[in-house]
Amino acid sequence: MTVVQICTVGLIGIVGILISAVQVQNSRFAPKILAVVEPHPTDRNKLKRIAIRIANKGGASGMIRFIEVIDGPNDVVREVVYVGWLHGEPFPFYLIGRASAEIIMEPGEGVTLLRYDKIKIGYGLNKEKYVKVKSEVSEISESCVLPPDSSPVSPPSEAGNN
């Protein structure tokens, strides 16, 4: 083999490895999560609503198991109401590849959501992620949005999705 042939074979091998790496990266469940808040009208340290925007950047479907709001210093789960769901919470649900969802939460009765609260999200089989609030908006929509091909694990009549 000549030097040119060896370089050509090596270059083809490197290109093949790069293509395989990109395919593996794009064929997994890869949720990107953003927390957006709507401040309380009278007290900027309190929150009126929190919207969790989940975009699956990967090609595979995956499960969102839970979303919790946790009191920052005490690690106590705060009670929240999921807007647009009549009976409890919309979890767990599947998020198909390249789809997105938005879950809206308001404080439960007697609960105050604060800026320093942490948001904990469970996804996949046993993965968990803490999300910090990245941005603030003047108003958040009135209901949760799941893509049409994304279905709760239980039938919609049991999940209470309207």
C-alpha atoms as a PDB file:
ATOM      1  CA  MET A   1       0.000   0.000   0.000  1.00  0.00           C
ATOM      2  CA  THR A   2       1.191   3.458  -0.764  1.00  0.00           C
ATOM      3  CA  VAL A   3       1.153   6.349   1.642  1.00  0.00           C
ATOM      4  CA  VAL A   4      -1.773   7.917  -0.243  1.00  0.00           C
ATOM      5  CA  GLN A   5      -3.839   4.745   0.082  1.00  0.00           C
ATOM      6  CA  ILE A   6      -3.085   4.478   3.809  1.00  0.00           C
ATOM      7  CA  CYS A   7      -4.101   8.134   4.355  1.00  0.00           C
ATOM      8  CA  THR A   8      -7.312   7.609   2.348  1.00  0.00           C
ATOM      9  CA  VAL A   9      -8.270   4.527   4.360  1.00  0.00           C
ATOM     10  CA  GLY A  10      -7.496   6.370   7.610  1.00  0.00           C
ATOM     11  CA  LEU A  11      -9.581   9.369   6.549  1.00  0.00           C
ATOM     12  CA  ILE A  12     -12.533   7.141   5.625  1.00  0.00           C
ATOM     13  CA  GLY A  13     -12.248   5.418   9.031  1.00  0.00           C
ATOM     14  CA  ILE A  14     -12.272   8.749  10.890  1.00  0.00           C
ATOM     15  CA  VAL A  15     -15.313   9.964   8.929  1.00  0.00           C
ATOM     16  CA  GLY A  16     -17.115   6.684   9.727  1.00  0.00           C
ATOM     17  CA  ILE A  17     -16.398   7.066  13.437  1.00  0.00           C
ATOM     18  CA  LEU A  18     -17.687  10.675  13.427  1.00  0.00           C
ATOM     19  CA  ILE A  19     -20.899   9.700  11.630  1.00  0.00           C
ATOM     20  CA  SER A  20     -21.486   6.866  14.118  1.00  0.00           C
ATOM     21  CA  ALA A  21     -20.938   9.208  17.069  1.00  0.00           C
ATOM     22  CA  VAL A  22     -23.492  11.703  15.698  1.00  0.00           C
ATOM     23  CA  GLN A  23     -26.035   8.924  15.099  1.00  0.00           C
ATOM     24  CA  VAL A  24     -25.649   7.584  18.628  1.00  0.00           C
ATOM     25  CA  GLN A  25     -26.010  11.093  20.070  1.00  0.00           C
ATOM     26  CA  ASN A  26     -29.188  11.781  18.072  1.00  0.00           C
ATOM     27  CA  SER A  27     -30.836   8.411  18.751  1.00  0.00           C
ATOM     28  CA  ARG A  28     -31.211   8.793  22.521  1.00  0.00           C
ATOM     29  CA  PHE A  29     -33.739  10.524  24.804  1.00  0.00           C
ATOM     30  CA  ALA A  30     -32.206  13.954  25.440  1.00  0.00           C
ATOM     31  CA  PRO A  31     -34.547  16.328  27.314  1.00  0.00           C
ATOM     32  CA  LYS A  32     -33.477  19.972  27.529  1.00  0.00           C
ATOM     33  CA  ILE A  33     -35.316  21.642  30.389  1.00  0.00           C
ATOM     34  CA  LEU A  34     -36.011  25.334  30.984  1.00  0.00           C
ATOM     35  CA  ALA A  35     -37.830  26.833  33.967  1.00  0.00           C
ATOM     36  CA  VAL A  36     -39.639  30.122  33.366  1.00  0.00           C
ATOM     37  CA  VAL A  37     -41.391  32.053  36.135  1.00  0.00           C
ATOM     38  CA  GLU A  38     -44.135  34.618  36.388  1.00  0.00           C
ATOM     39  CA  PRO A  39     -43.532  36.859  39.420  1.00  0.00           C
ATOM     40  CA  HIS A  40     -46.267  37.644  41.925  1.00  0.00           C
ATOM     41  CA  PRO A  41     -47.835  41.041  41.097  1.00  0.00           C
ATOM     42  CA  THR A  42     -47.207  42.540  44.551  1.00  0.00           C
ATOM     43  CA  ASP A  43     -44.020  40.814  45.783  1.00  0.00           C
ATOM     44  CA  ARG A  44     -41.145  40.215  43.323  1.00  0.00           C
ATOM     45  CA  ASN A  45     -39.591  37.542  45.596  1.00  0.00           C
ATOM     46  CA  LYS A  46     -42.704  35.379  45.359  1.00  0.00           C
ATOM     47  CA  LEU A  47     -43.791  33.511  42.250  1.00  0.00           C
ATOM     48  CA  LYS A  48     -47.278  33.344  40.808  1.00  0.00           C
ATOM     49  CA  ARG A  49     -46.577  30.509  38.342  1.00  0.00           C
ATOM     50  CA  ILE A  50     -43.748  28.323  37.115  1.00  0.00           C
ATOM     51  CA  ALA A  51     -43.637  26.894  33.597  1.00  0.00           C
ATOM     52  CA  ILE A  52     -41.351  23.968  32.878  1.00  0.00           C
ATOM     53  CA  ARG A  53     -40.537  23.713  29.186  1.00  0.00           C
ATOM     54  CA  ILE A  54     -39.156  20.352  28.131  1.00  0.00           C
ATOM     55  CA  ALA A  55     -37.781  19.828  24.622  1.00  0.00           C
ATOM     56  CA  ASN A  56     -36.600  16.381  23.611  1.00  0.00           C
ATOM     57  CA  LYS A  57     -33.603  17.087  21.370  1.00  0.00           C
ATOM     58  CA  GLY A  58     -32.990  13.390  20.758  1.00  0.00           C
ATOM     59  CA  GLY A  59     -34.727  11.047  18.362  1.00  0.00           C
ATOM     60  CA  ALA A  60     -35.890   8.503  20.947  1.00  0.00           C
ATOM     61  CA  SER A  61     -38.975   8.698  23.159  1.00  0.00           C
ATOM     62  CA  GLY A  62     -38.607   8.877  26.902  1.00  0.00           C
ATOM     63  CA  MET A  63     -40.572   9.262  30.101  1.00  0.00           C
ATOM     64  CA  ILE A  64     -40.928  12.313  32.321  1.00  0.00           C
ATOM     65  CA  ARG A  65     -41.592  10.737  35.725  1.00  0.00           C
ATOM     66  CA  PHE A  66     -42.140  13.778  37.960  1.00  0.00           C
ATOM     67  CA  ILE A  67     -41.534  17.485  38.492  1.00  0.00           C
ATOM     68  CA  GLU A  68     -41.190  18.787  42.064  1.00  0.00           C
ATOM     69  CA  VAL A  69     -40.660  22.249  43.478  1.00  0.00           C
ATOM     70  CA  ILE A  70     -38.294  22.037  46.435  1.00  0.00           C
ATOM     71  CA  ASP A  71     -37.757  24.647  49.137  1.00  0.00           C
ATOM     72  CA  GLY A  72     -34.139  25.704  48.589  1.00  0.00           C
ATOM     73  CA  PRO A  73     -32.641  25.689  52.087  1.00  0.00           C
ATOM     74  CA  ASN A  74     -34.797  22.960  53.651  1.00  0.00           C
ATOM     75  CA  ASP A  75     -35.196  20.446  50.804  1.00  0.00           C
ATOM     76  CA  VAL A  76     -38.920  20.088  51.497  1.00  0.00           C
ATOM     77  CA  VAL A  77     -41.194  19.382  48.539  1.00  0.00           C
ATOM     78  CA  ARG A  78     -43.713  22.198  48.080  1.00  0.00           C
ATOM     79  CA  GLU A  79     -47.294  21.355  47.158  1.00  0.00           C
ATOM     80  CA  VAL A  80     -48.193  22.654  43.709  1.00  0.00           C
ATOM     81  CA  VAL A  81     -51.239  22.504  41.461  1.00  0.00           C
ATOM     82  CA  TYR A  82     -50.707  21.502  37.833  1.00  0.00           C
ATOM     83  CA  VAL A  83     -52.800  23.931  35.790  1.00  0.00           C
ATOM     84  CA  GLY A  84     -55.137  22.315  33.266  1.00  0.00           C
ATOM     85  CA  TRP A  85     -55.312  18.877  34.921  1.00  0.00           C
ATOM     86  CA  LEU A  86     -58.524  18.058  36.766  1.00  0.00           C
ATOM     87  CA  HIS A  87     -57.265  15.109  38.790  1.00  0.00           C
ATOM     88  CA  GLY A  88     -53.811  15.610  40.200  1.00  0.00           C
ATOM     89  CA  GLU A  89     -50.744  15.627  38.076  1.00  0.00           C
ATOM     90  CA  PRO A  90     -49.882  14.724  34.474  1.00  0.00           C
ATOM     91  CA  PHE A  91     -47.092  12.306  35.403  1.00  0.00           C
ATOM     92  CA  PRO A  92     -45.653  10.081  34.237  1.00  0.00           C
ATOM     93  CA  PHE A  93     -45.941  10.814  30.510  1.00  0.00           C
ATOM     94  CA  TYR A  94     -43.983   9.910  27.406  1.00  0.00           C
ATOM     95  CA  LEU A  95     -42.280  12.551  25.310  1.00  0.00           C
ATOM     96  CA  ILE A  96     -41.590  11.384  21.781  1.00  0.00           C
ATOM     97  CA  GLY A  97     -38.455  12.248  19.828  1.00  0.00           C
ATOM     98  CA  ARG A  98     -38.045  15.895  18.784  1.00  0.00           C
ATOM     99  CA  ALA A  99     -41.233  16.924  20.649  1.00  0.00           C
ATOM    100  CA  SER A 100     -41.733  19.413  23.461  1.00  0.00           C
ATOM    101  CA  ALA A 101     -44.079  19.910  26.397  1.00  0.00           C
ATOM    102  CA  GLU A 102     -44.912  22.688  28.823  1.00  0.00           C
ATOM    103  CA  ILE A 103     -46.097  22.004  32.365  1.00  0.00           C
ATOM    104  CA  ILE A 104     -47.598  24.931  34.325  1.00  0.00           C
ATOM    105  CA  MET A 105     -47.560  24.911  38.126  1.00  0.00           C
ATOM    106  CA  GLU A 106     -49.150  27.223  40.683  1.00  0.00           C
ATOM    107  CA  PRO A 107     -48.704  27.142  44.455  1.00  0.00           C
ATOM    108  CA  GLY A 108     -51.032  24.843  46.370  1.00  0.00           C
ATOM    109  CA  GLU A 109     -53.279  26.083  49.140  1.00  0.00           C
ATOM    110  CA  GLY A 110     -51.248  27.867  51.829  1.00  0.00           C
ATOM    111  CA  VAL A 111     -47.983  27.476  49.850  1.00  0.00           C
ATOM    112  CA  THR A 112     -45.735  30.287  48.665  1.00  0.00           C
ATOM    113  CA  LEU A 113     -43.331  29.713  45.812  1.00  0.00           C
ATOM    114  CA  LEU A 114     -40.098  31.680  46.157  1.00  0.00           C
ATOM    115  CA  ARG A 115     -37.311  32.627  43.757  1.00  0.00           C
ATOM    116  CA  TYR A 116     -34.719  30.429  45.441  1.00  0.00           C
ATOM    117  CA  ASP A 117     -36.836  27.260  45.224  1.00  0.00           C
ATOM    118  CA  LYS A 118     -35.278  24.430  43.228  1.00  0.00           C
ATOM    119  CA  ILE A 119     -37.055  22.433  40.574  1.00  0.00           C
ATOM    120  CA  LYS A 120     -36.334  18.707  40.466  1.00  0.00           C
ATOM    121  CA  ILE A 121     -37.244  16.653  37.410  1.00  0.00           C
ATOM    122  CA  GLY A 122     -37.209  12.866  37.132  1.00  0.00           C
ATOM    123  CA  TYR A 123     -36.872  11.425  33.654  1.00  0.00           C
ATOM    124  CA  GLY A 124     -35.860   8.201  31.971  1.00  0.00           C
ATOM    125  CA  LEU A 125     -35.525   5.142  34.181  1.00  0.00           C
ATOM    126  CA  ASN A 126     -33.765   6.727  37.150  1.00  0.00           C
ATOM    127  CA  LYS A 127     -32.279  10.075  36.134  1.00  0.00           C
ATOM    128  CA  GLU A 128     -32.943  13.270  38.075  1.00  0.00           C
ATOM    129  CA  LYS A 129     -31.988  16.826  37.320  1.00  0.00           C
ATOM    130  CA  TYR A 130     -32.183  20.082  39.263  1.00  0.00           C
ATOM    131  CA  VAL A 131     -33.109  23.132  37.216  1.00  0.00           C
ATOM    132  CA  LYS A 132     -32.553  26.773  38.098  1.00  0.00           C
ATOM    133  CA  VAL A 133     -34.893  29.485  36.911  1.00  0.00           C
ATOM    134  CA  LYS A 134     -33.351  30.997  33.784  1.00  0.00           C
ATOM    135  CA  SER A 135     -35.827  33.650  32.754  1.00  0.00           C
ATOM    136  CA  GLU A 136     -38.842  35.653  33.810  1.00  0.00           C
ATOM    137  CA  VAL A 137     -41.926  36.468  31.776  1.00  0.00           C
ATOM    138  CA  SER A 138     -44.818  38.816  32.411  1.00  0.00           C
ATOM    139  CA  GLU A 139     -47.496  36.139  31.940  1.00  0.00           C
ATOM    140  CA  ILE A 140     -47.604  32.348  31.556  1.00  0.00           C
ATOM    141  CA  SER A 141     -50.361  30.528  29.675  1.00  0.00           C
ATOM    142  CA  GLU A 142     -53.315  29.048  31.505  1.00  0.00           C
ATOM    143  CA  SER A 143     -52.776  25.349  30.787  1.00  0.00           C
ATOM    144  CA  CYS A 144     -50.215  22.601  30.307  1.00  0.00           C
ATOM    145  CA  VAL A 145     -49.296  21.633  26.775  1.00  0.00           C
ATOM    146  CA  LEU A 146     -48.349  18.105  25.779  1.00  0.00           C
ATOM    147  CA  PRO A 147     -47.727  17.248  22.131  1.00  0.00           C
ATOM    148  CA  PRO A 148     -50.496  15.207  20.462  1.00  0.00           C
ATOM    149  CA  ASP A 149     -48.300  12.113  20.032  1.00  0.00           C
ATOM    150  CA  SER A 150     -47.160  12.251  23.654  1.00  0.00           C
ATOM    151  CA  SER A 151     -49.406  10.234  25.887  1.00  0.00           C
ATOM    152  CA  PRO A 152     -49.676   9.857  29.641  1.00  0.00           C
ATOM    153  CA  VAL A 153     -48.810   6.392  30.884  1.00  0.00           C
ATOM    154  CA  SER A 154     -52.391   5.931  32.079  1.00  0.00           C
ATOM    155  CA  PRO A 155     -55.339   6.558  29.709  1.00  0.00           C
ATOM    156  CA  PRO A 156     -56.384  10.233  29.367  1.00  0.00           C
ATOM    157  CA  SER A 157     -59.698   9.656  31.169  1.00  0.00           C
ATOM    158  CA  GLU A 158     -57.766   8.525  34.266  1.00  0.00           C
ATOM    159  CA  ALA A 159     -55.070  11.196  33.968  1.00  0.00           C
ATOM    160  CA  GLY A 160     -57.687  13.957  33.931  1.00  0.00           C
ATOM    161  CA  ASN A 161     -56.301  15.807  30.914  1.00  0.00           C
ATOM    162  CA  ASN A 162     -58.823  18.215  29.448  1.00  0.00           C
END
